[in-house]
Amino acid sequence: MERNEDKRIAPTVQKTTYAGQASMGNHQLVIITQLLQVAPNFRSIDELFFWLAQMFVQRLGIDVVQFWTSQMYRTGQVFVELRSMAQQNLLLPQYVVTNAQAAEIAEHLISQQQSIILQPVNAIFAQPQGNLLASHNLRYWSGYFMGHPTLLLPPHKEEEMGKVMTPLRLVVSVFFRQPPNQRLMPTLVHILQQAIPIAKAHGLLFQTERPLLAEAPAQKSLHSIFELIPERLQDGDTQQAHSPFRTIMTQLDAHARRLYIMVDGRKNVGEIADLIQLPTRDLSQALRNLLNQQYIQLHESNGQIIDGTRLQRLLILPD
């Protein structure tokens, strides 16, 4: 990403903690209560981010809310991406708040794992971007960084573009017309901190603990399940004739989705298990689901397909 030499973020970046400040209790209670009610309906973390962004705009009176996250690729590259946004003024052109400089600031906060307290936009954004924001009556800005030991999936439509599950590194970027209530940012932070375990509980974010790998059956003729290579079967099921990847993703549970995303016909089960960090029992169940629905097949490194009988024996787990 090309960097503008007239950068203004360094002098104002601070390690900021809001936990000790009071929060707008009523708004926080209402938003979390409603989130608990609607969370079971979300199919992705992006739907939750968008819902939160809308609530921050509607209930907290923030003019623009953006959710930026890190995104890793199979190549090892990491970029910052805008995952969701909401705004009060629907006529506001998106280029005013979504542009290379906004992404660069979010990238800086993520790399430094820092937040920025409320500042005039001209103290953060280089000209003419700061002036452009002010001309649209967006005169103040703050950015909150949150890191969490969980993994998030890439956006559903981009799962086959080389993107992989990525540790959660989030920046919430907020714009205001005028300085907000001093309790607003602590409230936003408290809501985010409570939203993460809710997202995790509903399969929208995933644990990063290394799975406990089960030992293979003690038979020389059988390869360990973790040495087998899964391969997608997209032609064998008639219900996949229409947008097969999208159809599959809407039909699978969270664990099977995580596994299916990583299947590329090259990585073995053990390598995928290390990437997606599923406990052994959940991994086995996800494999069963994909195999039973004929979304994948397993083969050895020499290309030999594993038949059903051998497969059932391999998928037996210890108590």
C-alpha atoms as a PDB file:
ATOM      1  CA  MET A   1       0.000   0.000   0.000  1.00  0.00           C
ATOM      2  CA  GLU A   2       1.430   3.401  -0.944  1.00  0.00           C
ATOM      3  CA  ARG A   3       2.029   5.563   2.109  1.00  0.00           C
ATOM      4  CA  ASN A   4       1.356   9.280   2.248  1.00  0.00           C
ATOM      5  CA  GLU A   5       4.371  11.188   3.566  1.00  0.00           C
ATOM      6  CA  ASP A   6       2.152  13.687   5.387  1.00  0.00           C
ATOM      7  CA  LYS A   7       1.148  11.231   8.096  1.00  0.00           C
ATOM      8  CA  ARG A   8      -0.260  12.533  11.352  1.00  0.00           C
ATOM      9  CA  ILE A   9      -1.083   9.449  13.369  1.00  0.00           C
ATOM     10  CA  ALA A  10       2.184   8.786  15.218  1.00  0.00           C
ATOM     11  CA  PRO A  11       2.066  11.674  17.737  1.00  0.00           C
ATOM     12  CA  THR A  12      -1.483  10.873  18.857  1.00  0.00           C
ATOM     13  CA  VAL A  13      -1.316   7.074  19.146  1.00  0.00           C
ATOM     14  CA  GLN A  14      -1.689   5.914  22.729  1.00  0.00           C
ATOM     15  CA  LYS A  15      -2.108   2.686  24.618  1.00  0.00           C
ATOM     16  CA  THR A  16      -5.661   3.403  25.698  1.00  0.00           C
ATOM     17  CA  THR A  17      -7.735   1.561  28.280  1.00  0.00           C
ATOM     18  CA  TYR A  18     -11.414   2.366  28.747  1.00  0.00           C
ATOM     19  CA  ALA A  19     -12.211  -0.378  31.233  1.00  0.00           C
ATOM     20  CA  GLY A  20     -11.972   1.885  34.263  1.00  0.00           C
ATOM     21  CA  GLN A  21     -14.412   4.467  32.978  1.00  0.00           C
ATOM     22  CA  ALA A  22     -18.152   4.472  33.438  1.00  0.00           C
ATOM     23  CA  SER A  23     -20.388   3.213  30.641  1.00  0.00           C
ATOM     24  CA  MET A  24     -23.790   4.224  29.285  1.00  0.00           C
ATOM     25  CA  GLY A  25     -25.429   1.348  31.092  1.00  0.00           C
ATOM     26  CA  ASN A  26     -28.880   1.462  29.511  1.00  0.00           C
ATOM     27  CA  HIS A  27     -27.575   1.382  25.924  1.00  0.00           C
ATOM     28  CA  GLN A  28     -25.129  -1.358  26.791  1.00  0.00           C
ATOM     29  CA  LEU A  29     -27.812  -3.497  28.420  1.00  0.00           C
ATOM     30  CA  VAL A  30     -30.268  -3.045  25.538  1.00  0.00           C
ATOM     31  CA  ILE A  31     -27.699  -3.849  22.844  1.00  0.00           C
ATOM     32  CA  ILE A  32     -26.326  -6.934  24.601  1.00  0.00           C
ATOM     33  CA  THR A  33     -29.827  -8.195  25.399  1.00  0.00           C
ATOM     34  CA  GLN A  34     -30.867  -7.836  21.765  1.00  0.00           C
ATOM     35  CA  LEU A  35     -27.611  -9.398  20.575  1.00  0.00           C
ATOM     36  CA  LEU A  36     -28.279 -12.501  22.671  1.00  0.00           C
ATOM     37  CA  GLN A  37     -31.688 -12.766  20.994  1.00  0.00           C
ATOM     38  CA  VAL A  38     -30.519 -12.364  17.392  1.00  0.00           C
ATOM     39  CA  ALA A  39     -27.101 -14.068  17.539  1.00  0.00           C
ATOM     40  CA  PRO A  40     -28.507 -17.572  16.765  1.00  0.00           C
ATOM     41  CA  ASN A  41     -29.696 -16.217  13.395  1.00  0.00           C
ATOM     42  CA  PHE A  42     -26.262 -15.000  12.258  1.00  0.00           C
ATOM     43  CA  ARG A  43     -24.462 -17.202   9.748  1.00  0.00           C
ATOM     44  CA  SER A  44     -21.145 -15.339   9.784  1.00  0.00           C
ATOM     45  CA  ILE A  45     -19.111 -12.950  11.895  1.00  0.00           C
ATOM     46  CA  ASP A  46     -19.707 -10.278   9.248  1.00  0.00           C
ATOM     47  CA  GLU A  47     -23.438 -10.355   9.952  1.00  0.00           C
ATOM     48  CA  LEU A  48     -22.690  -9.793  13.636  1.00  0.00           C
ATOM     49  CA  PHE A  49     -20.262  -6.955  12.837  1.00  0.00           C
ATOM     50  CA  PHE A  50     -22.852  -5.288  10.602  1.00  0.00           C
ATOM     51  CA  TRP A  51     -25.553  -5.631  13.253  1.00  0.00           C
ATOM     52  CA  LEU A  52     -23.264  -4.080  15.876  1.00  0.00           C
ATOM     53  CA  ALA A  53     -22.286  -1.252  13.530  1.00  0.00           C
ATOM     54  CA  GLN A  54     -25.970  -0.459  12.931  1.00  0.00           C
ATOM     55  CA  MET A  55     -26.702  -0.512  16.659  1.00  0.00           C
ATOM     56  CA  PHE A  56     -23.757   1.789  17.388  1.00  0.00           C
ATOM     57  CA  VAL A  57     -25.105   4.228  14.812  1.00  0.00           C
ATOM     58  CA  GLN A  58     -28.751   3.991  15.864  1.00  0.00           C
ATOM     59  CA  ARG A  59     -28.455   3.797  19.643  1.00  0.00           C
ATOM     60  CA  LEU A  60     -25.126   5.477  20.400  1.00  0.00           C
ATOM     61  CA  GLY A  61     -25.493   8.203  17.767  1.00  0.00           C
ATOM     62  CA  ILE A  62     -22.135   7.585  16.085  1.00  0.00           C
ATOM     63  CA  ASP A  63     -22.055   9.067  12.590  1.00  0.00           C
ATOM     64  CA  VAL A  64     -19.899   6.394  10.912  1.00  0.00           C
ATOM     65  CA  VAL A  65     -18.715   3.028  12.274  1.00  0.00           C
ATOM     66  CA  GLN A  66     -16.231   0.769  10.490  1.00  0.00           C
ATOM     67  CA  PHE A  67     -14.925  -2.696  11.405  1.00  0.00           C
ATOM     68  CA  TRP A  68     -11.424  -3.364  10.018  1.00  0.00           C
ATOM     69  CA  THR A  69      -9.640  -6.694  10.520  1.00  0.00           C
ATOM     70  CA  SER A  70      -6.408  -8.403   9.536  1.00  0.00           C
ATOM     71  CA  GLN A  71      -6.753 -11.024   6.809  1.00  0.00           C
ATOM     72  CA  MET A  72      -4.178 -13.728   6.147  1.00  0.00           C
ATOM     73  CA  TYR A  73      -3.642 -15.482   2.810  1.00  0.00           C
ATOM     74  CA  ARG A  74      -2.263 -18.902   1.967  1.00  0.00           C
ATOM     75  CA  THR A  75       0.833 -17.133   0.637  1.00  0.00           C
ATOM     76  CA  GLY A  76       1.585 -15.843   4.142  1.00  0.00           C
ATOM     77  CA  GLN A  77       0.684 -12.239   3.282  1.00  0.00           C
ATOM     78  CA  VAL A  78      -1.469 -10.225   5.678  1.00  0.00           C
ATOM     79  CA  PHE A  79      -3.632  -7.268   4.669  1.00  0.00           C
ATOM     80  CA  VAL A  80      -6.172  -5.115   6.468  1.00  0.00           C
ATOM     81  CA  GLU A  81      -9.755  -5.316   5.186  1.00  0.00           C
ATOM     82  CA  LEU A  82     -12.996  -3.482   5.869  1.00  0.00           C
ATOM     83  CA  ARG A  83     -15.440  -6.126   7.101  1.00  0.00           C
ATOM     84  CA  SER A  84     -18.472  -3.973   7.852  1.00  0.00           C
ATOM     85  CA  MET A  85     -19.683  -0.375   8.041  1.00  0.00           C
ATOM     86  CA  ALA A  86     -22.762   1.650   9.005  1.00  0.00           C
ATOM     87  CA  GLN A  87     -23.464   5.386   8.770  1.00  0.00           C
ATOM     88  CA  GLN A  88     -26.091   7.921   9.815  1.00  0.00           C
ATOM     89  CA  ASN A  89     -26.106   9.835   6.527  1.00  0.00           C
ATOM     90  CA  LEU A  90     -26.961   7.376   3.770  1.00  0.00           C
ATOM     91  CA  LEU A  91     -26.045  10.004   1.161  1.00  0.00           C
ATOM     92  CA  LEU A  92     -22.457  10.210   2.386  1.00  0.00           C
ATOM     93  CA  PRO A  93     -20.158   9.014  -0.451  1.00  0.00           C
ATOM     94  CA  GLN A  94     -18.224   5.951   0.694  1.00  0.00           C
ATOM     95  CA  TYR A  95     -14.920   7.245  -0.669  1.00  0.00           C
ATOM     96  CA  VAL A  96     -14.989   9.940   2.028  1.00  0.00           C
ATOM     97  CA  VAL A  97     -14.450   7.385   4.811  1.00  0.00           C
ATOM     98  CA  THR A  98     -13.350   4.235   2.929  1.00  0.00           C
ATOM     99  CA  ASN A  99     -10.053   4.821   1.178  1.00  0.00           C
ATOM    100  CA  ALA A 100      -6.356   4.000   1.246  1.00  0.00           C
ATOM    101  CA  GLN A 101      -5.582   6.404   4.077  1.00  0.00           C
ATOM    102  CA  ALA A 102      -8.352   5.012   6.300  1.00  0.00           C
ATOM    103  CA  ALA A 103      -7.037   1.496   5.635  1.00  0.00           C
ATOM    104  CA  GLU A 104      -3.475   2.623   6.380  1.00  0.00           C
ATOM    105  CA  ILE A 105      -4.477   4.039   9.765  1.00  0.00           C
ATOM    106  CA  ALA A 106      -6.348   0.842  10.650  1.00  0.00           C
ATOM    107  CA  GLU A 107      -3.309  -1.173   9.542  1.00  0.00           C
ATOM    108  CA  HIS A 108      -1.078   0.961  11.765  1.00  0.00           C
ATOM    109  CA  LEU A 109      -3.267   0.439  14.833  1.00  0.00           C
ATOM    110  CA  ILE A 110      -3.395  -3.313  14.234  1.00  0.00           C
ATOM    111  CA  SER A 111       0.373  -3.587  13.760  1.00  0.00           C
ATOM    112  CA  GLN A 112       1.027  -1.519  16.885  1.00  0.00           C
ATOM    113  CA  GLN A 113      -1.884  -3.044  18.838  1.00  0.00           C
ATOM    114  CA  GLN A 114      -2.876   0.437  19.937  1.00  0.00           C
ATOM    115  CA  SER A 115      -5.948   2.636  20.174  1.00  0.00           C
ATOM    116  CA  ILE A 116      -6.345   6.356  19.537  1.00  0.00           C
ATOM    117  CA  ILE A 117      -8.466   8.528  21.790  1.00  0.00           C
ATOM    118  CA  LEU A 118     -10.862  11.073  20.296  1.00  0.00           C
ATOM    119  CA  GLN A 119      -9.046  13.537  18.019  1.00  0.00           C
ATOM    120  CA  PRO A 120      -9.962  16.164  15.415  1.00  0.00           C
ATOM    121  CA  VAL A 121      -9.750  14.527  11.998  1.00  0.00           C
ATOM    122  CA  ASN A 122      -7.053  16.964  10.866  1.00  0.00           C
ATOM    123  CA  ALA A 123      -4.799  15.678  13.668  1.00  0.00           C
ATOM    124  CA  ILE A 124      -5.072  12.110  12.306  1.00  0.00           C
ATOM    125  CA  PHE A 125      -5.680  12.291   8.565  1.00  0.00           C
ATOM    126  CA  ALA A 126      -3.300  14.042   6.209  1.00  0.00           C
ATOM    127  CA  GLN A 127      -4.604  16.783   3.974  1.00  0.00           C
ATOM    128  CA  PRO A 128      -6.640  16.850   1.850  1.00  0.00           C
ATOM    129  CA  GLN A 129      -8.350  13.839   3.500  1.00  0.00           C
ATOM    130  CA  GLY A 130      -8.856  15.653   6.784  1.00  0.00           C
ATOM    131  CA  ASN A 131     -10.407  18.611   4.995  1.00  0.00           C
ATOM    132  CA  LEU A 132     -12.611  16.285   2.943  1.00  0.00           C
ATOM    133  CA  LEU A 133     -13.946  14.673   6.123  1.00  0.00           C
ATOM    134  CA  ALA A 134     -14.567  18.053   7.748  1.00  0.00           C
ATOM    135  CA  SER A 135     -16.372  19.289   4.638  1.00  0.00           C
ATOM    136  CA  HIS A 136     -18.838  16.408   5.143  1.00  0.00           C
ATOM    137  CA  ASN A 137     -19.283  17.411   8.786  1.00  0.00           C
ATOM    138  CA  LEU A 138     -17.162  14.535  10.123  1.00  0.00           C
ATOM    139  CA  ARG A 139     -14.845  16.477  12.396  1.00  0.00           C
ATOM    140  CA  TYR A 140     -13.759  13.984  15.060  1.00  0.00           C
ATOM    141  CA  TRP A 141     -12.439  10.442  14.968  1.00  0.00           C
ATOM    142  CA  SER A 142     -11.380   7.665  17.326  1.00  0.00           C
ATOM    143  CA  GLY A 143     -10.047   4.158  16.750  1.00  0.00           C
ATOM    144  CA  TYR A 144     -10.239   1.199  19.119  1.00  0.00           C
ATOM    145  CA  PHE A 145      -8.015  -1.860  18.726  1.00  0.00           C
ATOM    146  CA  MET A 146      -9.052  -5.272  20.036  1.00  0.00           C
ATOM    147  CA  GLY A 147      -7.040  -8.460  19.811  1.00  0.00           C
ATOM    148  CA  HIS A 148      -8.481 -11.796  20.920  1.00  0.00           C
ATOM    149  CA  PRO A 149      -7.181 -15.410  20.896  1.00  0.00           C
ATOM    150  CA  THR A 150      -9.814 -16.574  18.449  1.00  0.00           C
ATOM    151  CA  LEU A 151      -9.892 -17.170  14.701  1.00  0.00           C
ATOM    152  CA  LEU A 152     -12.326 -15.669  12.217  1.00  0.00           C
ATOM    153  CA  LEU A 153     -13.328 -17.001   8.836  1.00  0.00           C
ATOM    154  CA  PRO A 154     -12.853 -14.910   5.699  1.00  0.00           C
ATOM    155  CA  PRO A 155     -16.036 -13.440   4.162  1.00  0.00           C
ATOM    156  CA  HIS A 156     -18.224 -16.194   2.654  1.00  0.00           C
ATOM    157  CA  LYS A 157     -17.880 -14.975  -0.936  1.00  0.00           C
ATOM    158  CA  GLU A 158     -14.092 -14.869  -0.686  1.00  0.00           C
ATOM    159  CA  GLU A 159     -13.261 -18.246   0.832  1.00  0.00           C
ATOM    160  CA  GLU A 160     -11.775 -19.564  -2.403  1.00  0.00           C
ATOM    161  CA  MET A 161      -9.556 -16.528  -3.034  1.00  0.00           C
ATOM    162  CA  GLY A 162      -6.631 -17.805  -0.989  1.00  0.00           C
ATOM    163  CA  LYS A 163      -7.874 -16.313   2.271  1.00  0.00           C
ATOM    164  CA  VAL A 164      -7.544 -18.403   5.434  1.00  0.00           C
ATOM    165  CA  MET A 165      -8.746 -18.256   9.007  1.00  0.00           C
ATOM    166  CA  THR A 166      -6.976 -15.415  10.805  1.00  0.00           C
ATOM    167  CA  PRO A 167      -6.399 -14.518  14.473  1.00  0.00           C
ATOM    168  CA  LEU A 168      -8.831 -11.785  15.453  1.00  0.00           C
ATOM    169  CA  ARG A 169      -7.165  -8.374  15.192  1.00  0.00           C
ATOM    170  CA  LEU A 170      -9.905  -5.772  15.009  1.00  0.00           C
ATOM    171  CA  VAL A 171     -10.017  -1.989  14.731  1.00  0.00           C
ATOM    172  CA  VAL A 172     -13.314  -0.169  15.183  1.00  0.00           C
ATOM    173  CA  SER A 173     -13.030   3.200  13.474  1.00  0.00           C
ATOM    174  CA  VAL A 174     -15.650   5.821  14.432  1.00  0.00           C
ATOM    175  CA  PHE A 175     -16.387   9.303  13.080  1.00  0.00           C
ATOM    176  CA  PHE A 176     -18.376  12.075  14.786  1.00  0.00           C
ATOM    177  CA  ARG A 177     -19.760  15.467  13.879  1.00  0.00           C
ATOM    178  CA  GLN A 178     -19.055  16.766  17.366  1.00  0.00           C
ATOM    179  CA  PRO A 179     -17.351  15.408  20.481  1.00  0.00           C
ATOM    180  CA  PRO A 180     -19.548  12.624  21.895  1.00  0.00           C
ATOM    181  CA  ASN A 181     -20.523  11.916  25.481  1.00  0.00           C
ATOM    182  CA  GLN A 182     -17.324  10.963  27.315  1.00  0.00           C
ATOM    183  CA  ARG A 183     -18.936   7.654  28.289  1.00  0.00           C
ATOM    184  CA  LEU A 184     -19.626   6.612  24.702  1.00  0.00           C
ATOM    185  CA  MET A 185     -16.310   4.959  23.869  1.00  0.00           C
ATOM    186  CA  PRO A 186     -16.188   2.990  27.146  1.00  0.00           C
ATOM    187  CA  THR A 187     -19.696   1.765  26.352  1.00  0.00           C
ATOM    188  CA  LEU A 188     -18.701   0.717  22.839  1.00  0.00           C
ATOM    189  CA  VAL A 189     -15.668  -1.121  24.208  1.00  0.00           C
ATOM    190  CA  HIS A 190     -17.685  -2.951  26.865  1.00  0.00           C
ATOM    191  CA  ILE A 191     -20.204  -4.059  24.244  1.00  0.00           C
ATOM    192  CA  LEU A 192     -17.438  -5.375  21.993  1.00  0.00           C
ATOM    193  CA  GLN A 193     -15.856  -7.249  24.875  1.00  0.00           C
ATOM    194  CA  GLN A 194     -19.158  -8.970  25.607  1.00  0.00           C
ATOM    195  CA  ALA A 195     -19.930  -9.615  21.927  1.00  0.00           C
ATOM    196  CA  ILE A 196     -16.802 -11.726  21.385  1.00  0.00           C
ATOM    197  CA  PRO A 197     -17.789 -14.640  23.676  1.00  0.00           C
ATOM    198  CA  ILE A 198     -21.327 -14.478  22.253  1.00  0.00           C
ATOM    199  CA  ALA A 199     -19.917 -14.814  18.735  1.00  0.00           C
ATOM    200  CA  LYS A 200     -17.711 -17.687  19.876  1.00  0.00           C
ATOM    201  CA  ALA A 201     -20.614 -19.481  21.526  1.00  0.00           C
ATOM    202  CA  HIS A 202     -22.561 -19.409  18.240  1.00  0.00           C
ATOM    203  CA  GLY A 203     -19.734 -20.709  16.062  1.00  0.00           C
ATOM    204  CA  LEU A 204     -18.843 -17.356  14.474  1.00  0.00           C
ATOM    205  CA  LEU A 205     -15.362 -17.235  16.018  1.00  0.00           C
ATOM    206  CA  PHE A 206     -13.186 -20.228  16.805  1.00  0.00           C
ATOM    207  CA  GLN A 207     -10.719 -21.367  19.436  1.00  0.00           C
ATOM    208  CA  THR A 208      -6.995 -21.296  18.706  1.00  0.00           C
ATOM    209  CA  GLU A 209      -5.913 -24.092  21.035  1.00  0.00           C
ATOM    210  CA  ARG A 210      -3.899 -26.812  19.319  1.00  0.00           C
ATOM    211  CA  PRO A 211      -6.062 -29.940  18.984  1.00  0.00           C
ATOM    212  CA  LEU A 212      -5.176 -33.166  20.709  1.00  0.00           C
ATOM    213  CA  LEU A 213      -4.487 -35.546  17.845  1.00  0.00           C
ATOM    214  CA  ALA A 214      -5.686 -39.105  18.325  1.00  0.00           C
ATOM    215  CA  GLU A 215      -3.410 -41.996  17.525  1.00  0.00           C
ATOM    216  CA  ALA A 216      -4.085 -44.039  14.405  1.00  0.00           C
ATOM    217  CA  PRO A 217      -5.292 -47.654  14.619  1.00  0.00           C
ATOM    218  CA  ALA A 218      -2.340 -50.009  15.125  1.00  0.00           C
ATOM    219  CA  GLN A 219      -2.627 -51.698  11.729  1.00  0.00           C
ATOM    220  CA  LYS A 220       0.142 -51.426   9.137  1.00  0.00           C
ATOM    221  CA  SER A 221      -2.369 -51.535   6.290  1.00  0.00           C
ATOM    222  CA  LEU A 222      -4.101 -48.366   7.470  1.00  0.00           C
ATOM    223  CA  HIS A 223      -2.722 -44.876   7.307  1.00  0.00           C
ATOM    224  CA  SER A 224      -3.452 -42.488  10.134  1.00  0.00           C
ATOM    225  CA  ILE A 225      -6.551 -40.414   9.446  1.00  0.00           C
ATOM    226  CA  PHE A 226      -4.289 -37.391   9.822  1.00  0.00           C
ATOM    227  CA  GLU A 227      -2.096 -38.523   6.927  1.00  0.00           C
ATOM    228  CA  LEU A 228      -5.006 -38.783   4.497  1.00  0.00           C
ATOM    229  CA  ILE A 229      -5.721 -36.000   2.012  1.00  0.00           C
ATOM    230  CA  PRO A 230      -9.296 -34.706   1.633  1.00  0.00           C
ATOM    231  CA  GLU A 231     -10.466 -33.660  -1.830  1.00  0.00           C
ATOM    232  CA  ARG A 232     -13.661 -31.836  -2.776  1.00  0.00           C
ATOM    233  CA  LEU A 233     -16.367 -33.635  -4.729  1.00  0.00           C
ATOM    234  CA  GLN A 234     -18.415 -30.972  -6.507  1.00  0.00           C
ATOM    235  CA  ASP A 235     -19.714 -32.987  -9.428  1.00  0.00           C
ATOM    236  CA  GLY A 236     -21.191 -35.993  -7.687  1.00  0.00           C
ATOM    237  CA  ASP A 237     -24.105 -34.341  -5.970  1.00  0.00           C
ATOM    238  CA  THR A 238     -26.945 -32.962  -8.077  1.00  0.00           C
ATOM    239  CA  GLN A 239     -27.945 -30.453  -5.415  1.00  0.00           C
ATOM    240  CA  GLN A 240     -24.602 -28.700  -5.990  1.00  0.00           C
ATOM    241  CA  ALA A 241     -25.311 -27.911  -9.635  1.00  0.00           C
ATOM    242  CA  HIS A 242     -26.185 -24.299  -8.733  1.00  0.00           C
ATOM    243  CA  SER A 243     -23.341 -22.251  -7.164  1.00  0.00           C
ATOM    244  CA  PRO A 244     -21.919 -25.371  -5.510  1.00  0.00           C
ATOM    245  CA  PHE A 245     -19.594 -23.700  -3.022  1.00  0.00           C
ATOM    246  CA  ARG A 246     -22.230 -21.280  -1.787  1.00  0.00           C
ATOM    247  CA  THR A 247     -24.819 -24.078  -1.492  1.00  0.00           C
ATOM    248  CA  ILE A 248     -22.445 -26.242   0.510  1.00  0.00           C
ATOM    249  CA  MET A 249     -21.508 -23.426   2.886  1.00  0.00           C
ATOM    250  CA  THR A 250     -25.147 -22.738   3.773  1.00  0.00           C
ATOM    251  CA  GLN A 251     -25.814 -26.418   4.526  1.00  0.00           C
ATOM    252  CA  LEU A 252     -22.857 -27.214   6.777  1.00  0.00           C
ATOM    253  CA  ASP A 253     -22.444 -26.626  10.489  1.00  0.00           C
ATOM    254  CA  ALA A 254     -19.663 -24.374  11.750  1.00  0.00           C
ATOM    255  CA  HIS A 255     -17.047 -27.116  12.251  1.00  0.00           C
ATOM    256  CA  ALA A 256     -17.665 -28.731   8.862  1.00  0.00           C
ATOM    257  CA  ARG A 257     -17.501 -25.282   7.200  1.00  0.00           C
ATOM    258  CA  ARG A 258     -14.130 -24.590   8.762  1.00  0.00           C
ATOM    259  CA  LEU A 259     -12.803 -27.922   7.567  1.00  0.00           C
ATOM    260  CA  TYR A 260     -14.280 -27.661   4.064  1.00  0.00           C
ATOM    261  CA  ILE A 261     -12.799 -24.204   3.476  1.00  0.00           C
ATOM    262  CA  MET A 262      -9.282 -25.564   3.962  1.00  0.00           C
ATOM    263  CA  VAL A 263      -9.703 -28.578   1.651  1.00  0.00           C
ATOM    264  CA  ASP A 264      -7.562 -28.039  -1.451  1.00  0.00           C
ATOM    265  CA  GLY A 265      -6.587 -31.589  -2.465  1.00  0.00           C
ATOM    266  CA  ARG A 266      -3.015 -31.045  -1.247  1.00  0.00           C
ATOM    267  CA  LYS A 267      -3.030 -30.606   2.529  1.00  0.00           C
ATOM    268  CA  ASN A 268      -3.627 -33.721   4.632  1.00  0.00           C
ATOM    269  CA  VAL A 269      -6.050 -33.877   7.545  1.00  0.00           C
ATOM    270  CA  GLY A 270      -3.281 -33.320  10.091  1.00  0.00           C
ATOM    271  CA  GLU A 271      -2.102 -30.153   8.369  1.00  0.00           C
ATOM    272  CA  ILE A 272      -5.663 -28.850   8.182  1.00  0.00           C
ATOM    273  CA  ALA A 273      -6.227 -29.735  11.850  1.00  0.00           C
ATOM    274  CA  ASP A 274      -3.223 -27.618  12.802  1.00  0.00           C
ATOM    275  CA  LEU A 275      -4.600 -24.693  10.792  1.00  0.00           C
ATOM    276  CA  ILE A 276      -8.195 -24.726  12.021  1.00  0.00           C
ATOM    277  CA  GLN A 277      -7.435 -25.825  15.593  1.00  0.00           C
ATOM    278  CA  LEU A 278     -10.393 -28.174  16.064  1.00  0.00           C
ATOM    279  CA  PRO A 279     -10.391 -30.703  18.926  1.00  0.00           C
ATOM    280  CA  THR A 280     -10.127 -34.283  17.672  1.00  0.00           C
ATOM    281  CA  ARG A 281     -13.739 -35.257  18.331  1.00  0.00           C
ATOM    282  CA  ASP A 282     -15.097 -32.172  16.538  1.00  0.00           C
ATOM    283  CA  LEU A 283     -12.695 -32.782  13.670  1.00  0.00           C
ATOM    284  CA  SER A 284     -13.846 -36.378  13.301  1.00  0.00           C
ATOM    285  CA  GLN A 285     -17.507 -35.347  13.333  1.00  0.00           C
ATOM    286  CA  ALA A 286     -16.859 -32.665  10.717  1.00  0.00           C
ATOM    287  CA  LEU A 287     -15.140 -35.254   8.518  1.00  0.00           C
ATOM    288  CA  ARG A 288     -18.082 -37.628   8.932  1.00  0.00           C
ATOM    289  CA  ASN A 289     -20.540 -34.901   7.943  1.00  0.00           C
ATOM    290  CA  LEU A 290     -18.614 -33.989   4.808  1.00  0.00           C
ATOM    291  CA  LEU A 291     -18.093 -37.620   3.821  1.00  0.00           C
ATOM    292  CA  ASN A 292     -21.696 -38.658   4.504  1.00  0.00           C
ATOM    293  CA  GLN A 293     -22.992 -35.786   2.359  1.00  0.00           C
ATOM    294  CA  GLN A 294     -20.450 -36.667  -0.352  1.00  0.00           C
ATOM    295  CA  TYR A 295     -18.818 -33.240  -0.308  1.00  0.00           C
ATOM    296  CA  ILE A 296     -15.329 -34.727   0.019  1.00  0.00           C
ATOM    297  CA  GLN A 297     -13.421 -37.975  -0.377  1.00  0.00           C
ATOM    298  CA  LEU A 298     -10.179 -39.039   1.303  1.00  0.00           C
ATOM    299  CA  HIS A 299      -7.175 -40.532  -0.414  1.00  0.00           C
ATOM    300  CA  GLU A 300      -3.661 -41.576   0.504  1.00  0.00           C
ATOM    301  CA  SER A 301      -0.596 -39.647  -0.643  1.00  0.00           C
ATOM    302  CA  ASN A 302      -0.244 -42.093  -3.561  1.00  0.00           C
ATOM    303  CA  GLY A 303      -3.745 -41.193  -4.783  1.00  0.00           C
ATOM    304  CA  GLN A 304      -5.516 -44.353  -3.587  1.00  0.00           C
ATOM    305  CA  ILE A 305      -9.083 -43.584  -2.489  1.00  0.00           C
ATOM    306  CA  ILE A 306     -10.041 -44.821   0.995  1.00  0.00           C
ATOM    307  CA  ASP A 307     -13.141 -47.018   0.793  1.00  0.00           C
ATOM    308  CA  GLY A 308     -16.048 -46.843   3.229  1.00  0.00           C
ATOM    309  CA  THR A 309     -15.086 -49.791   5.431  1.00  0.00           C
ATOM    310  CA  ARG A 310     -11.531 -48.621   5.987  1.00  0.00           C
ATOM    311  CA  LEU A 311     -12.781 -45.103   6.526  1.00  0.00           C
ATOM    312  CA  GLN A 312     -15.154 -46.098   9.317  1.00  0.00           C
ATOM    313  CA  ARG A 313     -12.333 -47.886  11.100  1.00  0.00           C
ATOM    314  CA  LEU A 314     -10.085 -44.841  10.791  1.00  0.00           C
ATOM    315  CA  LEU A 315     -12.727 -42.490  12.170  1.00  0.00           C
ATOM    316  CA  ILE A 316     -13.225 -44.461  15.386  1.00  0.00           C
ATOM    317  CA  LEU A 317     -12.063 -42.279  18.261  1.00  0.00           C
ATOM    318  CA  PRO A 318     -10.901 -43.314  21.731  1.00  0.00           C
ATOM    319  CA  ASP A 319     -13.189 -42.543  24.643  1.00  0.00           C
END
